[in-house]
Amino acid sequence: MIEITINKQPITCTEGQTVLEAARSHNISIPHLCFHPALKPSGACRVCGVEITSPTGRQTVMLSCVLKVKPGLVVLTDSPLVRSHRQKAFVRLFRMAPQAHRIRDLAHRYRVDLPPEPDGCIRCRLCIRVCQEIVKVGALKMEKTAAGGQVAKGDGQCIGCGTCANLCPTSVIQVTDHDGVRTVAIQGRMVGQLPLERCEACGRMYATADFLNRVSHISPGHPDTKEHHNLCPACVKLMSTRAMTEKAHLKK
């Protein structure tokens, strides 16, 4: 038998055991993900690091799943050096598999702070820029939070045009029409909620009044323009096709 010390506690273990196996046999907790007793250890996940004193007298972190026990070995499983190593290991794993609840749960158990789960937004600011520069409403802005910058409701009033959602490369901006109301939201955070106007031809609810008023305001007048009608894009296209057909028929 071999005697080693883990967290100032003397324990006996069998020659050939790893530090992780010895700790497990004495109910000493060390986090691990890639270890399985039926398989040869690989040290791939790196979260099972422990602190030992090297032959040169320097404190260093070794992976307990591959480190073999030897007489007089002194091991620490929760020193500042170990916690720093563990933090880096968990963050690395989380970046590769952000959807894995087991990684987050294990990190929480060992008091490791992980970055917030990815929210799908890549902070490209296309939505903010188009709302400010093209739509000229300013309904979106970048807001500082504890988790970093995120797109939030701006000082301007959303007109429900949906341009931000059309430009978003990751589709995290949702535009939903329900019961005559259009809702624009980013990951569940509402940006705007506006009533829809009905198409005078087909009766479909198709655009917000604020959007139609905005289009009317920025569109220059024309002396040949007829009385304005609220028509959805499908009906406008249909009527334009009919007009072109009739015009071609008259030329014959």
Protein backbone atom coordinates (compact mmCIF):
# COMPACT_ATOMS: atom_id res chain seq x y z
CA MET A 1 0.00 0.00 0.00
CA ILE A 2 1.05 3.59 -0.65
CA GLU A 3 0.28 6.58 1.55
CA ILE A 4 -0.33 10.01 0.05
CA THR A 5 -1.91 13.20 1.36
CA ILE A 6 -4.93 14.86 -0.22
CA ASN A 7 -6.07 18.18 1.25
CA LYS A 8 -3.95 17.52 4.37
CA GLN A 9 -5.71 14.18 4.85
CA PRO A 10 -3.46 11.06 4.82
CA ILE A 11 -4.95 8.27 2.73
CA THR A 12 -3.77 4.83 1.69
CA CYS A 13 -4.03 3.69 -1.90
CA THR A 14 -2.93 0.87 -4.16
CA GLU A 15 0.15 0.98 -6.32
CA GLY A 16 -0.79 1.78 -9.93
CA GLN A 17 -3.83 3.83 -8.96
CA THR A 18 -4.26 7.34 -10.27
CA VAL A 19 -4.86 10.25 -7.91
CA LEU A 20 -8.44 10.51 -9.18
CA GLU A 21 -9.09 6.81 -8.45
CA ALA A 22 -7.55 7.15 -5.00
CA ALA A 23 -9.62 10.25 -4.24
CA ARG A 24 -12.83 8.57 -5.42
CA SER A 25 -12.16 5.54 -3.24
CA HIS A 26 -12.00 7.87 -0.22
CA ASN A 27 -15.03 9.99 -1.23
CA ILE A 28 -12.87 13.00 -2.05
CA SER A 29 -14.54 14.98 -4.79
CA ILE A 30 -12.62 15.97 -7.93
CA PRO A 31 -14.59 17.11 -11.01
CA HIS A 32 -14.21 15.05 -14.16
CA LEU A 33 -16.02 14.56 -17.47
CA CYS A 34 -13.88 12.36 -19.75
CA PHE A 35 -12.96 9.74 -17.13
CA HIS A 36 -14.60 6.31 -17.07
CA PRO A 37 -13.31 3.43 -14.92
CA ALA A 38 -13.65 0.96 -17.83
CA LEU A 39 -11.46 3.02 -20.15
CA LYS A 40 -7.88 4.16 -20.25
CA PRO A 41 -7.70 7.80 -19.08
CA SER A 42 -6.93 10.47 -21.66
CA GLY A 43 -7.02 13.79 -19.79
CA ALA A 44 -9.07 15.37 -22.58
CA CYS A 45 -11.47 17.49 -20.53
CA ARG A 46 -8.74 18.90 -18.21
CA VAL A 47 -11.18 19.71 -15.38
CA CYS A 48 -9.69 17.13 -12.98
CA GLY A 49 -6.53 19.14 -12.34
CA VAL A 50 -4.98 19.06 -8.87
CA GLU A 51 -2.02 20.88 -7.35
CA ILE A 52 1.17 19.04 -6.48
CA THR A 53 4.73 20.05 -5.74
CA SER A 54 7.08 19.26 -8.61
CA PRO A 55 10.55 17.71 -8.05
CA THR A 56 11.99 21.22 -8.34
CA GLY A 57 9.79 22.44 -5.48
CA ARG A 58 7.42 24.45 -7.69
CA GLN A 59 3.64 24.15 -7.28
CA THR A 60 2.02 22.94 -10.49
CA VAL A 61 -1.27 21.52 -11.73
CA MET A 62 -1.43 17.93 -13.00
CA LEU A 63 -4.42 15.99 -14.29
CA SER A 64 -5.51 13.59 -11.56
CA CYS A 65 -6.95 11.05 -14.00
CA VAL A 66 -3.48 10.28 -15.41
CA LEU A 67 -1.27 11.17 -12.42
CA LYS A 68 -0.10 7.98 -10.67
CA VAL A 69 0.16 7.87 -6.89
CA LYS A 70 3.58 7.59 -5.32
CA PRO A 71 4.73 7.55 -1.68
CA GLY A 72 4.63 10.93 0.02
CA LEU A 73 2.71 12.69 -2.77
CA VAL A 74 0.93 15.82 -1.46
CA VAL A 75 -2.18 16.85 -3.38
CA LEU A 76 -4.51 19.84 -3.14
CA THR A 77 -7.84 19.73 -4.96
CA ASP A 78 -9.16 23.27 -4.35
CA SER A 79 -6.22 25.65 -4.13
CA PRO A 80 -6.19 29.05 -5.92
CA LEU A 81 -3.93 27.53 -8.57
CA VAL A 82 -6.38 24.65 -9.10
CA ARG A 83 -9.37 27.00 -9.26
CA SER A 84 -7.65 29.11 -11.91
CA HIS A 85 -6.85 26.03 -13.98
CA ARG A 86 -10.38 24.68 -13.51
CA GLN A 87 -11.93 27.97 -14.62
CA LYS A 88 -9.99 27.90 -17.90
CA ALA A 89 -10.85 24.24 -18.49
CA PHE A 90 -14.58 24.73 -17.95
CA VAL A 91 -14.71 27.87 -20.12
CA ARG A 92 -12.95 25.96 -22.91
CA LEU A 93 -15.48 23.12 -22.70
CA PHE A 94 -18.41 25.51 -22.52
CA ARG A 95 -17.30 27.29 -25.69
CA MET A 96 -17.29 23.96 -27.52
CA ALA A 97 -20.63 22.76 -26.12
CA PRO A 98 -22.69 25.71 -24.81
CA GLN A 99 -25.87 23.62 -24.91
CA ALA A 100 -24.51 20.99 -22.48
CA HIS A 101 -26.29 21.36 -19.14
CA ARG A 102 -23.96 18.82 -17.53
CA ILE A 103 -20.98 21.15 -18.01
CA ARG A 104 -22.83 24.13 -16.52
CA ASP A 105 -24.18 22.05 -13.61
CA LEU A 106 -20.74 20.63 -12.78
CA ALA A 107 -19.15 24.07 -13.00
CA HIS A 108 -21.81 25.46 -10.65
CA ARG A 109 -21.16 22.61 -8.20
CA TYR A 110 -17.45 23.53 -8.07
CA ARG A 111 -18.12 27.30 -7.93
CA VAL A 112 -16.80 28.01 -11.41
CA ASP A 113 -18.26 31.09 -13.08
CA LEU A 114 -19.00 30.47 -16.73
CA PRO A 115 -19.88 33.03 -19.40
CA PRO A 116 -23.61 33.51 -20.05
CA GLU A 117 -25.16 31.06 -22.47
CA PRO A 118 -24.94 32.26 -26.08
CA ASP A 119 -28.10 34.15 -27.05
CA GLY A 120 -27.72 33.88 -30.82
CA CYS A 121 -26.88 37.56 -31.29
CA ILE A 122 -23.45 38.20 -32.83
CA ARG A 123 -23.50 41.95 -32.04
CA CYS A 124 -23.12 42.92 -35.71
CA ARG A 125 -25.33 45.98 -35.08
CA LEU A 126 -27.01 45.68 -38.48
CA CYS A 127 -30.42 46.04 -36.84
CA ILE A 128 -29.36 49.18 -34.96
CA ARG A 129 -27.73 50.77 -37.99
CA VAL A 130 -30.60 50.16 -40.39
CA CYS A 131 -33.10 51.49 -37.85
CA GLN A 132 -31.03 54.64 -37.39
CA GLU A 133 -29.64 55.23 -40.88
CA ILE A 134 -32.37 53.97 -43.23
CA VAL A 135 -35.64 53.78 -41.31
CA LYS A 136 -34.47 56.78 -39.25
CA VAL A 137 -36.45 55.82 -36.16
CA GLY A 138 -33.75 54.77 -33.67
CA ALA A 139 -35.89 52.13 -31.98
CA LEU A 140 -32.83 49.98 -31.16
CA LYS A 141 -29.55 50.61 -29.36
CA MET A 142 -26.62 48.72 -27.83
CA GLU A 143 -26.96 48.57 -24.06
CA LYS A 144 -24.26 47.67 -21.54
CA THR A 145 -25.19 44.85 -19.14
CA ALA A 146 -23.35 42.69 -16.63
CA ALA A 147 -23.06 40.02 -19.33
CA GLY A 148 -21.73 42.49 -21.92
CA GLY A 149 -23.36 44.56 -24.63
CA GLN A 150 -26.77 43.52 -25.94
CA VAL A 151 -29.29 44.95 -28.37
CA ALA A 152 -32.12 46.68 -26.50
CA LYS A 153 -35.04 49.00 -27.05
CA GLY A 154 -33.82 52.44 -28.07
CA ASP A 155 -35.14 55.94 -27.50
CA GLY A 156 -37.19 56.01 -30.70
CA GLN A 157 -40.60 54.40 -31.18
CA CYS A 158 -40.65 51.15 -33.18
CA ILE A 159 -42.92 51.42 -36.24
CA GLY A 160 -43.12 47.66 -36.79
CA CYS A 161 -41.56 47.67 -40.26
CA GLY A 162 -39.61 44.44 -39.63
CA THR A 163 -36.49 45.67 -41.43
CA CYS A 164 -34.30 44.75 -38.46
CA ALA A 165 -35.56 41.15 -38.56
CA ASN A 166 -35.03 40.92 -42.32
CA LEU A 167 -31.38 41.98 -41.97
CA CYS A 168 -30.54 39.96 -38.84
CA PRO A 169 -28.07 37.22 -39.95
CA THR A 170 -28.95 34.89 -37.07
CA SER A 171 -32.75 35.36 -36.94
CA VAL A 172 -32.89 36.31 -33.26
CA ILE A 173 -35.30 39.19 -33.93
CA GLN A 174 -38.87 37.93 -34.15
CA VAL A 175 -41.80 39.68 -35.85
CA THR A 176 -45.14 38.04 -35.09
CA ASP A 177 -48.64 39.08 -36.15
CA HIS A 178 -51.49 37.89 -33.94
CA ASP A 179 -55.06 39.14 -33.46
CA GLY A 180 -54.40 42.28 -35.47
CA VAL A 181 -51.27 43.22 -33.54
CA ARG A 182 -47.63 43.08 -34.65
CA THR A 183 -44.99 42.38 -32.01
CA VAL A 184 -41.27 42.91 -32.57
CA ALA A 185 -39.05 41.19 -29.99
CA ILE A 186 -35.41 40.24 -29.46
CA GLN A 187 -34.99 36.97 -27.53
CA GLY A 188 -38.31 37.54 -25.81
CA ARG A 189 -37.66 41.21 -24.97
CA MET A 190 -40.34 43.29 -26.62
CA VAL A 191 -39.21 46.23 -28.76
CA GLY A 192 -42.56 47.28 -30.19
CA GLN A 193 -46.21 46.24 -30.26
CA LEU A 194 -48.48 47.97 -32.75
CA PRO A 195 -51.93 47.45 -34.33
CA LEU A 196 -52.05 46.30 -37.95
CA GLU A 197 -53.92 47.91 -40.85
CA ARG A 198 -56.23 45.88 -43.10
CA CYS A 199 -55.74 45.63 -46.86
CA GLU A 200 -58.68 47.32 -48.60
CA ALA A 201 -58.68 44.71 -51.37
CA CYS A 202 -58.21 41.30 -49.75
CA GLY A 203 -58.84 42.18 -46.10
CA ARG A 204 -55.55 40.79 -44.84
CA MET A 205 -53.86 42.51 -41.89
CA TYR A 206 -50.53 43.42 -43.41
CA ALA A 207 -48.74 46.50 -42.00
CA THR A 208 -48.78 48.85 -39.04
CA ALA A 209 -50.31 52.31 -39.29
CA ASP A 210 -47.06 53.86 -38.05
CA PHE A 211 -45.13 52.17 -40.86
CA LEU A 212 -47.62 53.28 -43.53
CA ASN A 213 -47.57 56.83 -42.18
CA ARG A 214 -43.76 56.75 -42.25
CA VAL A 215 -43.73 55.61 -45.89
CA SER A 216 -46.26 58.29 -46.81
CA HIS A 217 -44.19 60.95 -45.03
CA ILE A 218 -40.87 60.12 -46.71
CA SER A 219 -42.31 59.41 -50.18
CA PRO A 220 -42.37 62.54 -52.38
CA GLY A 221 -45.68 63.54 -53.89
CA HIS A 222 -46.40 63.28 -57.61
CA PRO A 223 -49.02 65.25 -59.57
CA ASP A 224 -50.24 62.08 -61.30
CA THR A 225 -50.63 60.12 -58.06
CA LYS A 226 -54.18 58.89 -57.52
CA GLU A 227 -55.94 58.71 -54.20
CA HIS A 228 -53.95 56.57 -51.78
CA HIS A 229 -55.29 53.13 -50.83
CA ASN A 230 -54.10 50.72 -48.16
CA LEU A 231 -53.14 47.68 -50.21
CA CYS A 232 -50.92 44.77 -49.21
CA PRO A 233 -47.92 43.92 -51.44
CA ALA A 234 -49.73 40.92 -52.97
CA CYS A 235 -52.70 43.06 -54.04
CA VAL A 236 -50.44 45.83 -55.33
CA LYS A 237 -48.61 43.28 -57.46
CA LEU A 238 -51.89 41.77 -58.68
CA MET A 239 -53.33 45.14 -59.65
CA SER A 240 -50.09 46.20 -61.32
CA THR A 241 -50.13 43.00 -63.39
CA ARG A 242 -53.73 43.63 -64.39
CA ALA A 243 -52.95 47.21 -65.33
CA MET A 244 -50.03 46.14 -67.49
CA THR A 245 -52.18 43.48 -69.17
CA GLU A 246 -54.95 45.97 -69.90
CA LYS A 247 -52.44 48.49 -71.24
CA ALA A 248 -50.95 45.89 -73.59
CA HIS A 249 -54.45 44.85 -74.72
CA LEU A 250 -55.39 48.47 -75.59
CA LYS A 251 -52.25 48.84 -77.74
CA LYS A 252 -53.37 45.97 -80.00
